Amino acid sequence: MTEADPTDLLRDIPLPELSVEERNGLDAELSEEEVTEALRELQLGKAAGPNGLPIELFKCVGSRVVKHMLAMFREAREVGVLQLDQRTAPIVLICKKGKPLEMWFKKDLMLRLHEFCFWLPTVDGSDSVVEFDCSEVEIYCYDR
């Protein structure tokens, strides 16, 4: 039995095509208006990102940071890579009752993770950030 080539499978699926106008819109430079609109549409009450800044802050100072955000987005598009903090996502680990927290720090788990931050509750109730750097296979902890 031969394996099917995935590209052959996709060729048979009728996918919608973008018009020239839609393609040009996607290729166009990002504008201040688009960044402002995106900030306006952010939902309040959501968890803060890896930088710890809540959405409410961005909504309050939005008009003052739009130009800086626009420059950052344009640079990322030009370079083709997002900055590390834009590629990092917080993941909350919820330990089951009776299972020790240390079980999360197994070497095989660390090897599968790359550039992730974990927000972990500590014994004293404060939060810590744990970053996995798989090139070193070490855990770095610091208070948030």
C-alpha atoms as a PDB file:
ATOM      1  CA  MET A   1       0.000   0.000   0.000  1.00  0.00           C
ATOM      2  CA  THR A   2       1.460   3.366  -0.994  1.00  0.00           C
ATOM      3  CA  GLU A   3       1.108   6.481   1.084  1.00  0.00           C
ATOM      4  CA  ALA A   4      -0.908   9.334  -0.421  1.00  0.00           C
ATOM      5  CA  ASP A   5       0.876  12.589  -1.077  1.00  0.00           C
ATOM      6  CA  PRO A   6      -0.845  15.281   1.066  1.00  0.00           C
ATOM      7  CA  THR A   7      -0.569  17.799  -1.775  1.00  0.00           C
ATOM      8  CA  ASP A   8      -2.645  15.486  -3.991  1.00  0.00           C
ATOM      9  CA  LEU A   9      -5.393  15.435  -1.378  1.00  0.00           C
ATOM     10  CA  LEU A  10      -5.458  19.226  -1.185  1.00  0.00           C
ATOM     11  CA  ARG A  11      -5.650  19.643  -4.961  1.00  0.00           C
ATOM     12  CA  ASP A  12      -9.025  17.907  -5.018  1.00  0.00           C
ATOM     13  CA  ILE A  13     -10.588  20.176  -2.389  1.00  0.00           C
ATOM     14  CA  PRO A  14     -12.331  23.219  -3.885  1.00  0.00           C
ATOM     15  CA  LEU A  15     -10.872  26.072  -1.832  1.00  0.00           C
ATOM     16  CA  PRO A  16     -12.244  29.611  -2.110  1.00  0.00           C
ATOM     17  CA  GLU A  17      -9.921  32.052  -3.835  1.00  0.00           C
ATOM     18  CA  LEU A  18      -9.185  35.610  -2.808  1.00  0.00           C
ATOM     19  CA  SER A  19      -9.961  38.405  -5.207  1.00  0.00           C
ATOM     20  CA  VAL A  20      -7.166  40.699  -6.384  1.00  0.00           C
ATOM     21  CA  GLU A  21      -8.536  43.412  -4.081  1.00  0.00           C
ATOM     22  CA  GLU A  22      -8.481  41.053  -1.075  1.00  0.00           C
ATOM     23  CA  ARG A  23      -4.913  39.945  -1.869  1.00  0.00           C
ATOM     24  CA  ASN A  24      -3.765  43.552  -2.209  1.00  0.00           C
ATOM     25  CA  GLY A  25      -5.408  44.384   1.122  1.00  0.00           C
ATOM     26  CA  LEU A  26      -3.534  41.562   2.848  1.00  0.00           C
ATOM     27  CA  ASP A  27      -0.242  42.630   1.275  1.00  0.00           C
ATOM     28  CA  ALA A  28      -0.728  46.320   2.159  1.00  0.00           C
ATOM     29  CA  GLU A  29       1.199  47.995   4.963  1.00  0.00           C
ATOM     30  CA  LEU A  30      -0.501  47.901   8.341  1.00  0.00           C
ATOM     31  CA  SER A  31      -2.037  51.283   9.175  1.00  0.00           C
ATOM     32  CA  GLU A  32      -2.488  53.233  12.410  1.00  0.00           C
ATOM     33  CA  GLU A  33      -6.245  52.933  11.933  1.00  0.00           C
ATOM     34  CA  GLU A  34      -6.021  49.117  11.848  1.00  0.00           C
ATOM     35  CA  VAL A  35      -3.946  49.018  15.049  1.00  0.00           C
ATOM     36  CA  THR A  36      -6.336  51.473  16.735  1.00  0.00           C
ATOM     37  CA  GLU A  37      -9.332  49.380  15.668  1.00  0.00           C
ATOM     38  CA  ALA A  38      -7.675  46.175  16.903  1.00  0.00           C
ATOM     39  CA  LEU A  39      -7.030  47.815  20.305  1.00  0.00           C
ATOM     40  CA  ARG A  40     -10.628  49.031  20.431  1.00  0.00           C
ATOM     41  CA  GLU A  41     -11.949  45.505  19.756  1.00  0.00           C
ATOM     42  CA  LEU A  42      -9.902  43.813  22.514  1.00  0.00           C
ATOM     43  CA  GLN A  43     -12.162  42.298  25.169  1.00  0.00           C
ATOM     44  CA  LEU A  44     -11.709  43.452  28.744  1.00  0.00           C
ATOM     45  CA  GLY A  45     -11.229  41.041  31.612  1.00  0.00           C
ATOM     46  CA  LYS A  46      -8.927  38.660  29.747  1.00  0.00           C
ATOM     47  CA  ALA A  47      -5.662  37.376  31.200  1.00  0.00           C
ATOM     48  CA  ALA A  48      -2.541  39.476  30.732  1.00  0.00           C
ATOM     49  CA  GLY A  49       0.081  38.305  28.279  1.00  0.00           C
ATOM     50  CA  PRO A  50       3.612  37.171  29.154  1.00  0.00           C
ATOM     51  CA  ASN A  51       4.640  40.779  29.786  1.00  0.00           C
ATOM     52  CA  GLY A  52       2.051  41.006  32.587  1.00  0.00           C
ATOM     53  CA  LEU A  53       0.312  44.027  31.055  1.00  0.00           C
ATOM     54  CA  PRO A  54      -3.486  43.730  31.091  1.00  0.00           C
ATOM     55  CA  ILE A  55      -5.643  44.644  28.111  1.00  0.00           C
ATOM     56  CA  GLU A  56      -7.195  47.448  30.175  1.00  0.00           C
ATOM     57  CA  LEU A  57      -3.820  49.220  30.164  1.00  0.00           C
ATOM     58  CA  PHE A  58      -3.542  49.056  26.378  1.00  0.00           C
ATOM     59  CA  LYS A  59      -7.082  50.416  26.038  1.00  0.00           C
ATOM     60  CA  CYS A  60      -6.297  53.332  28.368  1.00  0.00           C
ATOM     61  CA  VAL A  61      -3.055  54.356  26.684  1.00  0.00           C
ATOM     62  CA  GLY A  62      -3.926  53.049  23.225  1.00  0.00           C
ATOM     63  CA  SER A  63      -3.694  56.324  21.316  1.00  0.00           C
ATOM     64  CA  ARG A  64      -0.274  57.025  22.856  1.00  0.00           C
ATOM     65  CA  VAL A  65       1.251  53.659  21.959  1.00  0.00           C
ATOM     66  CA  VAL A  66      -0.267  53.047  18.515  1.00  0.00           C
ATOM     67  CA  LYS A  67       2.737  54.490  16.645  1.00  0.00           C
ATOM     68  CA  HIS A  68       5.160  52.377  18.695  1.00  0.00           C
ATOM     69  CA  MET A  69       3.078  49.237  18.214  1.00  0.00           C
ATOM     70  CA  LEU A  70       2.796  49.933  14.496  1.00  0.00           C
ATOM     71  CA  ALA A  71       6.584  50.279  14.200  1.00  0.00           C
ATOM     72  CA  MET A  72       7.032  47.010  16.109  1.00  0.00           C
ATOM     73  CA  PHE A  73       4.553  45.145  13.857  1.00  0.00           C
ATOM     74  CA  ARG A  74       6.112  46.554  10.696  1.00  0.00           C
ATOM     75  CA  GLU A  75       9.594  45.537  11.840  1.00  0.00           C
ATOM     76  CA  ALA A  76       8.364  42.018  12.611  1.00  0.00           C
ATOM     77  CA  ARG A  77       6.852  41.777   9.134  1.00  0.00           C
ATOM     78  CA  GLU A  78      10.010  43.096   7.478  1.00  0.00           C
ATOM     79  CA  VAL A  79      12.323  40.784   9.427  1.00  0.00           C
ATOM     80  CA  GLY A  80       9.879  37.875   9.259  1.00  0.00           C
ATOM     81  CA  VAL A  81      10.210  36.989  12.953  1.00  0.00           C
ATOM     82  CA  LEU A  82       8.233  38.095  15.989  1.00  0.00           C
ATOM     83  CA  GLN A  83      10.111  39.161  19.101  1.00  0.00           C
ATOM     84  CA  LEU A  84      10.497  36.493  21.787  1.00  0.00           C
ATOM     85  CA  ASP A  85       7.849  38.009  24.070  1.00  0.00           C
ATOM     86  CA  GLN A  86       5.399  37.989  21.140  1.00  0.00           C
ATOM     87  CA  ARG A  87       6.048  34.269  20.613  1.00  0.00           C
ATOM     88  CA  THR A  88       5.741  33.377  24.291  1.00  0.00           C
ATOM     89  CA  ALA A  89       2.456  32.272  25.803  1.00  0.00           C
ATOM     90  CA  PRO A  90       1.573  31.801  29.456  1.00  0.00           C
ATOM     91  CA  ILE A  91       0.285  28.352  30.351  1.00  0.00           C
ATOM     92  CA  VAL A  92      -1.260  27.717  33.737  1.00  0.00           C
ATOM     93  CA  LEU A  93      -0.500  24.286  35.136  1.00  0.00           C
ATOM     94  CA  ILE A  94      -3.235  22.902  37.353  1.00  0.00           C
ATOM     95  CA  CYS A  95      -1.965  20.060  39.492  1.00  0.00           C
ATOM     96  CA  LYS A  96      -4.361  17.312  40.477  1.00  0.00           C
ATOM     97  CA  LYS A  97      -4.942  16.692  44.151  1.00  0.00           C
ATOM     98  CA  GLY A  98      -2.290  14.399  45.577  1.00  0.00           C
ATOM     99  CA  LYS A  99       0.102  14.820  42.620  1.00  0.00           C
ATOM    100  CA  PRO A 100       3.289  16.717  43.493  1.00  0.00           C
ATOM    101  CA  LEU A 101       4.259  19.800  41.488  1.00  0.00           C
ATOM    102  CA  GLU A 102       7.713  18.320  40.870  1.00  0.00           C
ATOM    103  CA  MET A 103       6.224  15.805  38.442  1.00  0.00           C
ATOM    104  CA  TRP A 104       5.876  18.639  35.897  1.00  0.00           C
ATOM    105  CA  PHE A 105       9.634  19.063  35.750  1.00  0.00           C
ATOM    106  CA  LYS A 106      10.525  15.779  34.126  1.00  0.00           C
ATOM    107  CA  LYS A 107      13.290  16.001  31.547  1.00  0.00           C
ATOM    108  CA  ASP A 108      11.179  14.536  28.725  1.00  0.00           C
ATOM    109  CA  LEU A 109       8.597  17.287  29.216  1.00  0.00           C
ATOM    110  CA  MET A 110      11.268  19.984  29.047  1.00  0.00           C
ATOM    111  CA  LEU A 111      12.694  18.581  25.836  1.00  0.00           C
ATOM    112  CA  ARG A 112       9.334  18.944  24.112  1.00  0.00           C
ATOM    113  CA  LEU A 113       8.884  22.549  25.165  1.00  0.00           C
ATOM    114  CA  HIS A 114      10.608  25.557  23.669  1.00  0.00           C
ATOM    115  CA  GLU A 115      10.415  29.201  24.690  1.00  0.00           C
ATOM    116  CA  PHE A 116       7.351  28.845  26.902  1.00  0.00           C
ATOM    117  CA  CYS A 117       6.665  30.547  30.218  1.00  0.00           C
ATOM    118  CA  PHE A 118       4.660  28.798  32.892  1.00  0.00           C
ATOM    119  CA  TRP A 119       2.980  30.743  35.678  1.00  0.00           C
ATOM    120  CA  LEU A 120       3.110  28.497  38.719  1.00  0.00           C
ATOM    121  CA  PRO A 121       1.745  29.025  42.212  1.00  0.00           C
ATOM    122  CA  THR A 122       4.397  28.576  44.873  1.00  0.00           C
ATOM    123  CA  VAL A 123       3.982  27.133  48.349  1.00  0.00           C
ATOM    124  CA  ASP A 124       3.772  30.602  49.925  1.00  0.00           C
ATOM    125  CA  GLY A 125       0.957  31.635  47.555  1.00  0.00           C
ATOM    126  CA  SER A 126       2.995  33.978  45.357  1.00  0.00           C
ATOM    127  CA  ASP A 127       3.431  33.326  41.651  1.00  0.00           C
ATOM    128  CA  SER A 128       6.636  32.325  39.887  1.00  0.00           C
ATOM    129  CA  VAL A 129       7.541  32.257  36.234  1.00  0.00           C
ATOM    130  CA  VAL A 130       9.302  29.171  34.954  1.00  0.00           C
ATOM    131  CA  GLU A 131      10.990  29.396  31.576  1.00  0.00           C
ATOM    132  CA  PHE A 132      12.135  26.271  29.790  1.00  0.00           C
ATOM    133  CA  ASP A 133      15.242  26.744  27.669  1.00  0.00           C
ATOM    134  CA  CYS A 134      15.622  23.442  25.863  1.00  0.00           C
ATOM    135  CA  SER A 135      19.059  24.246  24.496  1.00  0.00           C
ATOM    136  CA  GLU A 136      20.307  24.194  28.090  1.00  0.00           C
ATOM    137  CA  VAL A 137      17.603  21.879  29.494  1.00  0.00           C
ATOM    138  CA  GLU A 138      17.392  23.913  32.676  1.00  0.00           C
ATOM    139  CA  ILE A 139      14.555  25.575  34.537  1.00  0.00           C
ATOM    140  CA  TYR A 140      14.767  29.250  35.394  1.00  0.00           C
ATOM    141  CA  CYS A 141      12.388  30.469  38.101  1.00  0.00           C
ATOM    142  CA  TYR A 142      11.774  34.026  39.185  1.00  0.00           C
ATOM    143  CA  ASP A 143       8.941  35.842  40.908  1.00  0.00           C
ATOM    144  CA  ARG A 144       6.423  37.533  38.683  1.00  0.00           C
END
